[in-house]
Protein backbone atom coordinates (compact mmCIF):
# COMPACT_ATOMS: atom_id res chain seq x y z
CA MET A 1 -22.99 -24.79 -24.42
CA ALA A 2 -20.86 -24.30 -21.29
CA LEU A 3 -21.60 -26.53 -18.30
CA ALA A 4 -21.76 -25.06 -14.81
CA LEU A 5 -19.52 -26.66 -12.22
CA ARG A 6 -21.32 -28.66 -9.53
CA SER A 7 -21.01 -27.16 -6.05
CA ASN A 8 -18.37 -29.71 -4.99
CA GLU A 9 -16.19 -29.15 -8.06
CA ARG A 10 -13.49 -26.52 -8.26
CA SER A 11 -11.36 -25.19 -11.06
CA LEU A 12 -7.86 -25.32 -9.59
CA SER A 13 -4.83 -23.27 -10.53
CA PRO A 14 -1.54 -25.14 -11.10
CA GLU A 15 -0.40 -24.13 -7.59
CA GLN A 16 -3.64 -25.51 -6.10
CA GLU A 17 -3.30 -28.71 -8.10
CA ALA A 18 0.18 -29.16 -6.63
CA LEU A 19 -1.25 -28.55 -3.13
CA ARG A 20 -4.00 -31.12 -3.74
CA ASP A 21 -1.57 -33.72 -5.05
CA GLU A 22 0.74 -33.19 -2.07
CA ALA A 23 -2.13 -33.40 0.44
CA LEU A 24 -3.57 -36.58 -1.10
CA ARG A 25 -0.13 -38.19 -1.12
CA GLY A 26 0.97 -36.94 2.29
CA PHE A 27 -2.25 -37.74 4.15
CA ALA A 28 -2.13 -41.31 2.80
CA ALA A 29 1.51 -41.79 3.91
CA TRP A 30 2.68 -43.24 7.20
CA PRO A 31 3.57 -41.14 9.05
CA LYS A 32 1.48 -38.36 7.49
CA THR A 33 3.57 -35.56 6.01
CA MET A 34 3.45 -32.37 3.91
CA SER A 35 6.24 -30.43 2.23
CA PRO A 36 7.04 -27.08 3.91
CA LYS A 37 7.07 -25.35 0.51
CA PHE A 38 3.26 -25.26 0.76
CA PHE A 39 3.46 -22.91 3.75
CA TYR A 40 4.20 -20.06 1.40
CA ASP A 41 0.99 -18.72 -0.02
CA HIS A 42 0.58 -14.97 0.40
CA ARG A 43 -0.62 -15.21 4.01
CA GLY A 44 2.03 -17.78 4.87
CA SER A 45 4.75 -15.54 3.43
CA GLN A 46 3.44 -12.61 5.49
CA LEU A 47 3.39 -14.77 8.64
CA PHE A 48 6.96 -15.86 8.02
CA GLU A 49 8.06 -12.24 7.77
CA LEU A 50 6.36 -11.70 11.15
CA ILE A 51 8.14 -14.75 12.62
CA CYS A 52 11.43 -13.12 11.65
CA GLN A 53 10.56 -10.17 13.92
CA GLN A 54 9.94 -12.30 17.03
CA PRO A 55 12.54 -11.93 19.81
CA GLU A 56 13.06 -15.70 20.11
CA TYR A 57 13.78 -16.13 16.41
CA TYR A 58 17.51 -15.43 16.18
CA PRO A 59 18.31 -16.56 12.57
CA THR A 60 17.04 -13.46 10.75
CA ARG A 61 18.63 -10.74 12.87
CA THR A 62 21.86 -12.75 13.24
CA GLU A 63 22.16 -13.35 9.50
CA GLU A 64 21.41 -9.68 8.82
CA THR A 65 24.20 -8.62 11.18
CA ILE A 66 26.66 -11.00 9.51
CA LEU A 67 25.70 -9.73 6.05
CA ARG A 68 25.99 -6.10 7.12
CA LEU A 69 29.49 -6.61 8.52
CA ALA A 70 30.65 -8.79 5.61
CA ALA A 71 28.95 -6.85 2.79
CA GLN A 72 32.12 -5.32 1.34
CA ASP A 73 33.97 -8.64 1.44
CA ILE A 74 31.02 -10.29 -0.30
CA ALA A 75 31.02 -7.57 -2.96
CA ALA A 76 34.74 -8.10 -3.59
CA LEU A 77 34.23 -11.87 -3.99
CA ALA A 78 31.23 -11.39 -6.30
CA GLY A 79 33.01 -8.90 -8.53
CA ARG A 80 31.74 -5.86 -10.40
CA ASN A 81 28.47 -5.92 -12.37
CA ALA A 82 27.45 -9.33 -11.03
CA SER A 83 23.85 -10.46 -11.36
CA LEU A 84 22.09 -11.30 -8.10
CA VAL A 85 19.73 -14.29 -8.05
CA GLU A 86 17.62 -14.64 -4.89
CA LEU A 87 16.14 -18.07 -4.20
CA GLY A 88 13.02 -17.36 -2.19
CA SER A 89 12.26 -13.72 -2.95
CA GLY A 90 11.62 -12.13 0.43
CA ALA A 91 10.61 -8.74 1.74
CA SER A 92 13.39 -8.52 4.34
CA ARG A 93 16.37 -6.18 4.61
CA LYS A 94 18.84 -8.91 3.64
CA ILE A 95 18.57 -8.48 -0.11
CA ARG A 96 18.70 -4.71 0.26
CA LEU A 97 21.99 -4.96 2.16
CA LEU A 98 23.45 -6.88 -0.79
CA LEU A 99 21.97 -4.56 -3.41
CA GLU A 100 23.56 -1.55 -1.72
CA ALA A 101 26.96 -3.22 -1.37
CA LEU A 102 27.15 -5.07 -4.71
CA ARG A 103 25.29 -2.63 -6.99
CA PRO A 104 24.53 -5.58 -9.30
CA ALA A 105 23.66 -5.15 -12.95
CA ARG A 106 20.56 -7.35 -12.62
CA TYR A 107 18.34 -8.93 -9.99
CA LEU A 108 16.32 -12.13 -10.45
CA GLY A 109 13.86 -13.07 -7.70
CA ILE A 110 12.62 -16.67 -7.64
CA ASP A 111 9.73 -17.81 -5.46
CA ILE A 112 6.94 -20.41 -5.46
CA SER A 113 4.32 -17.86 -4.30
CA ARG A 114 3.40 -15.84 -7.41
CA GLU A 115 1.50 -13.09 -5.58
CA PHE A 116 4.24 -12.56 -2.99
CA LEU A 117 6.95 -12.64 -5.67
CA GLN A 118 5.19 -10.01 -7.77
CA ALA A 119 4.71 -7.72 -4.77
CA SER A 120 8.31 -8.02 -3.56
CA THR A 121 9.94 -7.53 -6.98
CA ARG A 122 7.70 -4.55 -7.75
CA ARG A 123 8.84 -2.92 -4.50
CA LEU A 124 12.48 -3.50 -5.42
CA ALA A 125 11.97 -2.10 -8.93
CA SER A 126 10.34 0.99 -7.44
CA ASP A 127 12.98 1.51 -4.74
CA TYR A 128 16.02 0.80 -6.97
CA ARG A 129 15.32 2.54 -10.27
CA TRP A 130 18.85 1.77 -11.51
CA LEU A 131 18.32 -1.99 -11.11
CA ASP A 132 17.17 -4.31 -13.91
CA VAL A 133 14.62 -6.47 -12.02
CA HIS A 134 13.37 -9.87 -13.17
CA ALA A 135 11.00 -12.40 -11.54
CA LEU A 136 10.62 -16.14 -12.00
CA CYS A 137 7.77 -18.05 -10.34
CA ALA A 138 9.24 -21.51 -9.85
CA ASP A 139 9.79 -24.30 -7.35
CA PHE A 140 13.55 -24.05 -6.83
CA SER A 141 13.60 -27.37 -4.97
CA ARG A 142 13.33 -28.92 -8.45
CA PRO A 143 15.78 -28.59 -11.37
CA LEU A 144 15.83 -24.97 -12.57
CA LYS A 145 16.34 -23.47 -15.99
CA LEU A 146 17.47 -19.91 -15.32
CA PRO A 147 16.80 -17.21 -17.95
CA GLY A 148 20.06 -16.20 -19.62
CA ASP A 149 19.09 -12.53 -19.95
CA ALA A 150 18.86 -12.24 -16.17
CA LEU A 151 22.10 -14.07 -15.37
CA GLY A 152 25.05 -12.45 -17.07
CA GLN A 153 28.39 -14.23 -16.98
CA ARG A 154 29.11 -14.61 -13.25
CA PRO A 155 25.89 -14.51 -11.22
CA LEU A 156 25.74 -14.69 -7.45
CA ALA A 157 22.93 -16.90 -6.14
CA PHE A 158 21.63 -15.92 -2.70
CA PHE A 159 19.84 -18.50 -0.53
CA PRO A 160 19.32 -16.90 2.90
CA GLY A 161 17.57 -17.85 6.12
CA SER A 162 18.99 -21.35 6.46
CA SER A 163 16.32 -22.59 4.05
CA ILE A 164 18.80 -25.31 3.07
CA GLY A 165 17.89 -26.83 6.44
CA ASN A 166 14.36 -27.59 5.21
CA PHE A 167 15.84 -30.32 3.00
CA ASP A 168 16.93 -33.64 4.43
CA PRO A 169 20.59 -34.48 3.61
CA ASP A 170 19.75 -36.31 0.37
CA GLU A 171 17.39 -33.52 -0.73
CA ALA A 172 20.05 -30.92 0.14
CA ARG A 173 22.55 -32.73 -2.09
CA ALA A 174 19.99 -32.90 -4.90
CA PHE A 175 19.21 -29.18 -4.51
CA LEU A 176 22.88 -28.17 -4.59
CA ARG A 177 23.60 -30.42 -7.56
CA ASN A 178 20.62 -28.98 -9.44
CA LEU A 179 21.84 -25.46 -8.66
CA HIS A 180 25.34 -26.42 -9.76
CA GLN A 181 23.83 -27.54 -13.08
CA ALA A 182 21.82 -24.32 -13.49
CA LEU A 183 24.67 -21.88 -12.77
CA PRO A 184 27.61 -21.19 -15.10
CA ALA A 185 31.15 -22.06 -13.98
CA GLY A 186 32.64 -19.44 -11.68
CA SER A 187 29.28 -18.38 -10.22
CA GLY A 188 29.00 -17.65 -6.53
CA LEU A 189 26.54 -19.04 -4.01
CA LEU A 190 25.95 -17.03 -0.82
CA ILE A 191 24.03 -19.23 1.60
CA GLY A 192 22.86 -18.92 5.18
CA VAL A 193 23.30 -22.02 7.35
CA ASP A 194 21.98 -22.43 10.89
CA LEU A 195 24.40 -24.04 13.31
CA VAL A 196 24.11 -26.80 15.90
CA LYS A 197 23.53 -25.23 19.33
CA ASP A 198 21.76 -25.55 22.68
CA ARG A 199 18.36 -27.29 22.53
CA GLN A 200 16.59 -24.55 24.51
CA VAL A 201 17.72 -21.82 22.12
CA LEU A 202 16.47 -23.84 19.16
CA GLU A 203 13.13 -24.83 20.65
CA ARG A 204 12.34 -21.28 21.80
CA ALA A 205 12.95 -20.03 18.27
CA TYR A 206 10.24 -22.32 16.86
CA ASN A 207 7.77 -21.86 19.73
CA ASP A 208 7.63 -18.07 20.05
CA HIS A 209 5.62 -16.61 22.92
CA ALA A 210 3.31 -14.66 20.57
CA GLY A 211 2.30 -17.86 18.76
CA VAL A 212 3.18 -16.61 15.28
CA THR A 213 4.99 -19.83 14.32
CA ALA A 214 1.90 -21.78 15.41
CA LEU A 215 -0.25 -19.66 13.09
CA PHE A 216 2.27 -20.18 10.29
CA ASN A 217 2.14 -23.96 10.77
CA LEU A 218 -1.67 -24.02 10.98
CA ASN A 219 -1.91 -21.88 7.83
CA LEU A 220 -1.14 -25.07 5.90
CA VAL A 221 -4.47 -26.49 7.10
CA GLU A 222 -6.17 -23.18 6.31
CA ARG A 223 -4.88 -23.45 2.73
CA ILE A 224 -6.26 -26.96 2.32
CA ARG A 225 -9.65 -25.88 3.69
CA ASN A 226 -9.86 -22.67 1.63
CA GLU A 227 -8.34 -23.80 -1.67
CA LEU A 228 -9.43 -27.42 -1.97
CA ASP A 229 -12.68 -29.34 -1.65
CA SER A 230 -12.09 -30.37 1.96
CA ASP A 231 -13.82 -30.32 5.35
CA ILE A 232 -10.56 -30.11 7.33
CA ASP A 233 -10.89 -27.91 10.45
CA PRO A 234 -7.81 -25.96 11.63
CA ARG A 235 -9.25 -25.88 15.17
CA SER A 236 -8.81 -29.66 15.39
CA PHE A 237 -5.00 -29.39 15.13
CA GLN A 238 -2.30 -27.80 17.28
CA HIS A 239 1.30 -26.77 16.64
CA ARG A 240 4.29 -28.65 18.04
CA ALA A 241 8.01 -28.05 17.40
CA PHE A 242 10.95 -29.82 19.06
CA TYR A 243 14.64 -30.57 18.50
CA ASN A 244 15.48 -34.10 17.35
CA GLU A 245 19.07 -34.33 18.53
CA ALA A 246 19.75 -37.70 16.85
CA GLU A 247 18.89 -36.19 13.44
CA SER A 248 20.27 -32.72 14.26
CA ARG A 249 17.01 -31.06 13.22
CA ILE A 250 14.03 -29.10 14.48
CA GLU A 251 10.79 -30.88 13.59
CA MET A 252 7.45 -29.11 13.18
CA HIS A 253 4.22 -31.07 13.42
CA LEU A 254 0.49 -30.49 13.51
CA ILE A 255 -1.07 -32.68 16.20
CA SER A 256 -4.63 -33.98 15.86
CA ARG A 257 -6.52 -32.91 18.98
CA GLN A 258 -8.90 -35.87 18.74
CA ALA A 259 -9.72 -38.90 16.64
CA GLN A 260 -11.18 -37.51 13.43
CA GLN A 261 -11.79 -38.07 9.75
CA VAL A 262 -10.68 -35.53 7.16
CA ARG A 263 -12.14 -35.44 3.66
CA ILE A 264 -10.22 -34.11 0.65
CA GLU A 265 -12.34 -34.38 -2.51
CA ASP A 266 -13.73 -37.94 -2.51
CA ARG A 267 -11.09 -39.41 -0.20
CA VAL A 268 -11.34 -39.72 3.58
CA PHE A 269 -8.32 -39.91 5.90
CA ASP A 270 -8.37 -41.11 9.51
CA PHE A 271 -6.41 -39.30 12.23
CA ALA A 272 -6.01 -40.87 15.65
CA ALA A 273 -5.98 -38.59 18.68
CA GLY A 274 -2.42 -37.29 19.03
CA GLU A 275 -1.42 -38.39 15.52
CA THR A 276 0.89 -35.95 13.76
CA LEU A 277 1.12 -34.37 10.36
CA HIS A 278 4.87 -33.73 9.91
CA THR A 279 5.14 -30.34 8.17
CA GLU A 280 8.78 -29.22 8.35
CA ASN A 281 12.34 -30.15 9.25
CA SER A 282 15.06 -27.61 9.86
CA TYR A 283 18.47 -29.30 9.89
CA LYS A 284 21.35 -27.71 11.77
CA TYR A 285 24.97 -28.04 10.62
CA THR A 286 28.51 -27.67 11.85
CA PRO A 287 30.65 -25.42 9.59
CA SER A 288 32.84 -28.31 8.48
CA GLY A 289 29.83 -30.56 7.92
CA PHE A 290 28.22 -28.06 5.59
CA ARG A 291 31.46 -27.38 3.69
CA ASP A 292 31.81 -31.12 3.11
CA LEU A 293 28.22 -31.33 1.84
CA ALA A 294 28.72 -28.40 -0.55
CA GLY A 295 32.06 -29.76 -1.75
CA SER A 296 30.46 -33.08 -2.69
CA CYS A 297 28.12 -31.13 -4.98
CA GLY A 298 30.78 -29.14 -6.84
CA PHE A 299 30.95 -25.97 -4.70
CA ALA A 300 34.27 -24.87 -3.20
CA SER A 301 34.35 -22.79 -0.03
CA ALA A 302 35.71 -19.28 -0.60
CA ALA A 303 34.77 -17.68 2.72
CA MET A 304 32.62 -18.12 5.81
CA TRP A 305 31.40 -15.68 8.46
CA ARG A 306 29.86 -16.37 11.88
CA ASP A 307 28.45 -14.21 14.67
CA PRO A 308 30.41 -14.07 17.97
CA ALA A 309 27.94 -16.43 19.70
CA GLN A 310 28.31 -18.88 16.78
CA LEU A 311 24.56 -19.19 16.30
CA PHE A 312 24.58 -18.82 12.53
CA SER A 313 26.92 -18.90 9.53
CA VAL A 314 27.03 -17.42 6.03
CA HIS A 315 29.10 -19.23 3.39
CA PHE A 316 30.42 -17.89 0.11
CA LEU A 317 30.83 -20.86 -2.25
CA ARG A 318 32.24 -20.92 -5.77
CA ARG A 319 30.70 -23.11 -8.44
CA GLU A 320 33.59 -25.18 -9.86
């Protein structure tokens, strides 16, 4: 006979189990922290797409402009009939710029958010009937095993949006080394990298006037409340983002508005008034600094493009 779940018990999906494990670990740490990969449920992914449309948020439009101007050069470096592997399958115009220029034989979208991945790859399959579309729901911050039928001989991996900046330097090395292991020799890596620049430009980008980035940050608390057995209240936290010049990174935090206790399952965590939950870093690089990092992980620089204001860079790397 089947047993009914008690009201305080939940049957969790693997994604929710990962969220629970991260929250229990991160809330017990000092300082408290959560990985930014848990921003990206379906609502979080939609909010991020909206962030990219805000006037203060320069990375998306600047990267798109670079890709549009460099598209034919990128296609020449990738070669004919390449397979395109997108790490973080988005709904933006960036991948479409590459699809039009490269006309790849195959496309593989990889994302941690299953629902968002399915929706975005279905749109691509519908819009590009000539394209062989594949999807892989996976956490690409961990070692990847890429499906051979979606790769071909010389794939081009695409990691846009300066997402590499969400990793600290050691994590970035681990990510690039894992990707080096997953890709065959001669593969390309096209990667967007945000550049060191004026503090005001950076801080405006992560504190947009419309408050979309604040909603995106607070969505992490919404996820914990909605998906886990927790009494956490999003109204008791506020968004803060600032540039840490010593570490060359933007930091995003959720600040506790008052002294409070938060329960997750049978564990209770104390927050002091003003205590932070550190939710994201976004490291900024110099061009030479990033080339050195990539070179230490087995990727040789083949080309780099920047906008005239030198806000952002796109690197074409070759897996040695």
